[in-house]
Protein backbone atom coordinates (compact mmCIF):
# COMPACT_ATOMS: atom_id res chain seq x y z
CA MET A 1 -27.09 2.01 -2.41
CA SER A 2 -24.52 3.86 -4.78
CA GLU A 3 -21.14 2.82 -5.66
CA VAL A 4 -19.81 4.59 -3.87
CA LEU A 5 -20.93 3.40 -0.46
CA LYS A 6 -21.34 -0.37 -2.28
CA ALA A 7 -16.64 -0.13 -3.28
CA LEU A 8 -16.67 1.29 0.90
CA VAL A 9 -19.18 -2.00 2.31
CA GLU A 10 -17.42 -4.25 -0.48
CA ARG A 11 -14.05 -3.99 -0.55
CA ARG A 12 -11.02 -6.57 1.28
CA SER A 13 -7.42 -7.17 1.17
CA VAL A 14 -6.74 -9.04 -1.01
CA ARG A 15 -3.41 -11.44 -0.57
CA THR A 16 -2.86 -13.25 -4.19
CA PHE A 17 -2.60 -12.68 -6.99
CA LYS A 18 -2.16 -13.21 -10.71
CA PRO A 19 1.01 -12.64 -12.32
CA GLU A 20 0.03 -11.08 -14.95
CA GLN A 21 0.41 -6.82 -14.82
CA ILE A 22 -2.60 -4.73 -14.75
CA LYS A 23 -3.08 -2.24 -17.43
CA ASP A 24 -1.86 1.11 -17.84
CA SER A 25 -5.06 2.61 -17.79
CA GLU A 26 -6.19 0.51 -15.24
CA LEU A 27 -3.34 1.87 -13.59
CA GLN A 28 -3.57 6.00 -14.40
CA THR A 29 -7.28 5.77 -12.96
CA ILE A 30 -5.65 4.00 -10.22
CA LEU A 31 -3.96 6.80 -9.84
CA GLN A 32 -5.67 10.24 -10.53
CA ALA A 33 -8.11 8.94 -7.91
CA GLY A 34 -4.97 8.76 -5.27
CA GLN A 35 -4.84 12.54 -6.70
CA PHE A 36 -8.59 13.32 -5.80
CA ALA A 37 -7.56 12.48 -2.01
CA PRO A 38 -8.71 15.50 0.39
CA SER A 39 -5.68 16.58 2.11
CA ALA A 40 -4.47 19.34 4.45
CA ARG A 41 -5.03 22.98 3.56
CA ASN A 42 -5.16 21.00 -0.24
CA GLN A 43 -1.26 20.59 0.65
CA GLN A 44 -1.77 17.63 -1.99
CA SER A 45 1.83 16.15 -0.12
CA TRP A 46 1.85 13.01 -1.36
CA HIS A 47 4.27 11.30 -3.77
CA PHE A 48 3.64 7.89 -5.71
CA THR A 49 6.60 5.74 -6.52
CA VAL A 50 5.26 2.87 -8.91
CA VAL A 51 6.85 -0.98 -8.91
CA GLN A 52 6.43 -3.05 -11.10
CA LYS A 53 10.14 -3.79 -12.43
CA GLN A 54 10.60 -7.14 -11.13
CA GLU A 55 13.75 -7.33 -10.45
CA ILE A 56 13.64 -4.26 -8.11
CA LEU A 57 10.70 -6.03 -6.55
CA SER A 58 12.66 -8.56 -5.98
CA LYS A 59 15.83 -6.43 -3.94
CA ILE A 60 12.94 -4.87 -2.02
CA ASN A 61 11.54 -8.17 -0.71
CA SER A 62 15.05 -9.37 -0.05
CA LEU A 63 15.85 -6.32 1.65
CA ILE A 64 12.73 -6.82 3.92
CA GLN A 65 12.83 -10.29 4.41
CA GLN A 66 16.12 -9.77 6.09
CA HIS A 67 15.27 -6.71 8.26
CA PHE A 68 12.12 -9.46 9.93
CA LEU A 69 15.12 -11.42 10.07
CA ASN A 70 17.09 -9.06 11.81
CA SER A 71 14.29 -7.45 13.58
CA GLY A 72 14.30 -9.70 16.48
CA VAL A 73 10.67 -9.74 16.72
CA GLU A 74 9.51 -13.09 17.25
CA ALA A 75 6.18 -13.09 14.49
CA PHE A 76 8.46 -11.08 11.83
CA VAL A 77 11.30 -13.98 12.08
CA GLU A 78 9.42 -16.89 12.02
CA ARG A 79 7.41 -14.41 8.31
CA ALA A 80 10.58 -13.91 6.54
CA LYS A 81 11.57 -17.95 7.52
CA ALA A 82 8.37 -19.14 5.14
CA GLU A 83 9.82 -20.47 1.86
CA ASN A 84 8.00 -18.43 -0.69
CA PHE A 85 8.45 -15.08 1.45
CA SER A 86 6.62 -11.89 -0.12
CA PRO A 87 5.28 -8.98 1.85
CA PHE A 88 3.20 -7.89 -0.76
CA TYR A 89 2.38 -11.37 -1.36
CA HIS A 90 3.51 -11.69 -5.82
CA ALA A 91 1.94 -8.71 -6.38
CA PRO A 92 2.67 -7.07 -9.83
CA THR A 93 2.27 -3.58 -8.95
CA LEU A 94 3.64 -1.83 -5.48
CA ILE A 95 2.70 1.53 -4.72
CA ILE A 96 4.45 3.22 -2.15
CA VAL A 97 2.73 7.21 -0.82
CA SER A 98 5.19 9.21 0.15
CA GLY A 99 4.36 12.32 2.03
CA ASP A 100 6.40 15.55 2.57
CA GLU A 101 7.40 15.78 6.11
CA THR A 102 7.33 20.31 6.34
CA ALA A 103 3.10 19.71 5.12
CA VAL A 104 0.66 19.88 7.46
CA ALA A 105 -0.69 16.46 7.72
CA PRO A 106 1.79 13.76 5.10
CA HIS A 107 0.55 11.14 6.91
CA GLN A 108 -3.54 11.94 6.92
CA ASP A 109 -3.34 13.05 4.02
CA GLY A 110 -0.94 9.92 2.59
CA ALA A 111 -3.80 7.42 3.91
CA LEU A 112 -6.21 9.02 2.54
CA ALA A 113 -4.59 8.95 -0.76
CA LEU A 114 -3.78 4.81 -0.14
CA GLY A 115 -7.82 4.95 1.20
CA ASN A 116 -9.09 5.62 -2.69
CA LEU A 117 -6.09 3.97 -4.65
CA PHE A 118 -7.62 0.35 -2.83
CA LEU A 119 -10.95 2.31 -3.72
CA ALA A 120 -10.77 2.43 -6.96
CA ALA A 121 -8.85 -0.30 -7.49
CA HIS A 122 -12.03 -2.03 -6.34
CA ALA A 123 -14.06 -0.11 -8.95
CA LEU A 124 -11.47 -1.27 -11.72
CA ASN A 125 -11.77 -5.59 -9.60
CA ILE A 126 -8.24 -5.13 -9.27
CA GLY A 127 -7.37 -6.92 -6.19
CA SER A 128 -5.29 -4.68 -3.50
CA VAL A 129 -3.61 -5.01 -0.41
CA TRP A 130 -2.23 -1.72 2.28
CA ILE A 131 1.12 -3.54 2.94
CA HIS A 132 3.35 -1.56 6.13
CA SER A 133 6.24 -3.20 5.95
CA LEU A 134 8.30 -1.01 3.56
CA ARG A 135 7.84 1.51 6.30
CA THR A 136 9.88 0.33 8.79
CA LEU A 137 12.74 -1.11 5.94
CA PHE A 138 12.63 2.48 4.91
CA ASP A 139 13.75 4.37 8.77
CA SER A 140 17.29 2.15 8.13
CA ALA A 141 20.22 2.63 5.75
CA GLU A 142 19.58 0.07 3.44
CA GLY A 143 16.31 0.72 2.90
CA ARG A 144 17.19 5.06 3.13
CA ALA A 145 19.53 4.33 0.13
CA LEU A 146 16.51 2.73 -1.25
CA ASN A 147 14.36 5.81 -1.69
CA LYS A 148 17.09 6.80 -3.83
CA GLU A 149 17.31 5.04 -6.02
CA LEU A 150 12.54 4.17 -6.58
CA GLY A 151 13.06 7.75 -6.69
CA ILE A 152 11.54 9.33 -3.81
CA PRO A 153 11.41 12.47 -3.65
CA ALA A 154 14.14 13.72 -0.53
CA GLY A 155 12.44 15.22 2.84
CA TYR A 156 10.30 12.72 1.99
CA VAL A 157 8.71 10.24 4.55
CA ILE A 158 7.03 6.73 3.41
CA ILE A 159 3.28 6.89 4.75
CA GLY A 160 2.63 3.47 3.31
CA SER A 161 2.39 1.28 0.11
CA GLY A 162 -0.23 -0.85 -1.71
CA ALA A 163 0.05 -4.10 -3.20
CA PHE A 164 -1.99 -4.10 -6.62
CA GLY A 165 -3.43 -7.01 -8.65
CA TYR A 166 -5.92 -9.38 -10.39
CA ASN A 167 -7.13 -11.42 -7.84
CA ALA A 168 -6.10 -15.17 -7.70
CA GLY A 169 -8.47 -16.34 -4.97
CA PRO A 170 -11.81 -15.76 -3.93
CA THR A 171 -12.85 -12.55 -2.44
CA PRO A 172 -12.42 -12.35 1.06
CA GLN A 173 -15.76 -11.72 3.71
CA ALA A 174 -15.45 -9.14 5.67
CA ALA A 175 -14.29 -9.43 9.33
CA PRO A 176 -17.33 -8.96 11.40
CA ARG A 177 -16.95 -4.77 13.21
CA LYS A 178 -16.05 -4.65 16.23
CA GLU A 179 -19.20 -3.34 18.44
CA GLY A 180 -18.42 -0.15 20.88
CA THR A 181 -16.73 1.54 18.33
CA VAL A 182 -19.60 4.43 17.84
CA THR A 183 -20.47 7.06 19.63
CA ILE A 184 -23.72 9.88 18.83
CA ILE A 185 -24.41 13.03 20.41
CA LYS A 186 -27.13 14.97 19.64
């Protein structure tokens, strides 16, 4: 099996991270992989915002916690009440992927870029996990203000984000694959 196919099968979402920051050279490799993702009409409509500053991560954490507490969604409220709440699992690096709203397919482009980021991290023995909670936050007034603070370009929408860091626990096992998800027509 090729290394690429092996990475596709073996990559898992990691939710326990060491506090140690990933190396700058590793971060650049991960970002380059994201920039080489396929995109509709080769528009490359994504923008990557890397947050490693602890004060900003704490601020994002607090805003998401308040958003969850006020959401009225029981599962979110319960999660936000956790003593050690962190929507990005205390990872030292958060990469936010946004997309140009005027592009042909910003959501699809951004999702493909995130996939490349995760696969590149796996290839470097760096753990990662998709974080969707930022997307809902950025639809709020507080989130739009944070967009500006983080330098997310005007006219860009949050697609998703990823938490990245060195794995602090065992690698999770793959969940069984669902049956009936493939149709082949010959």
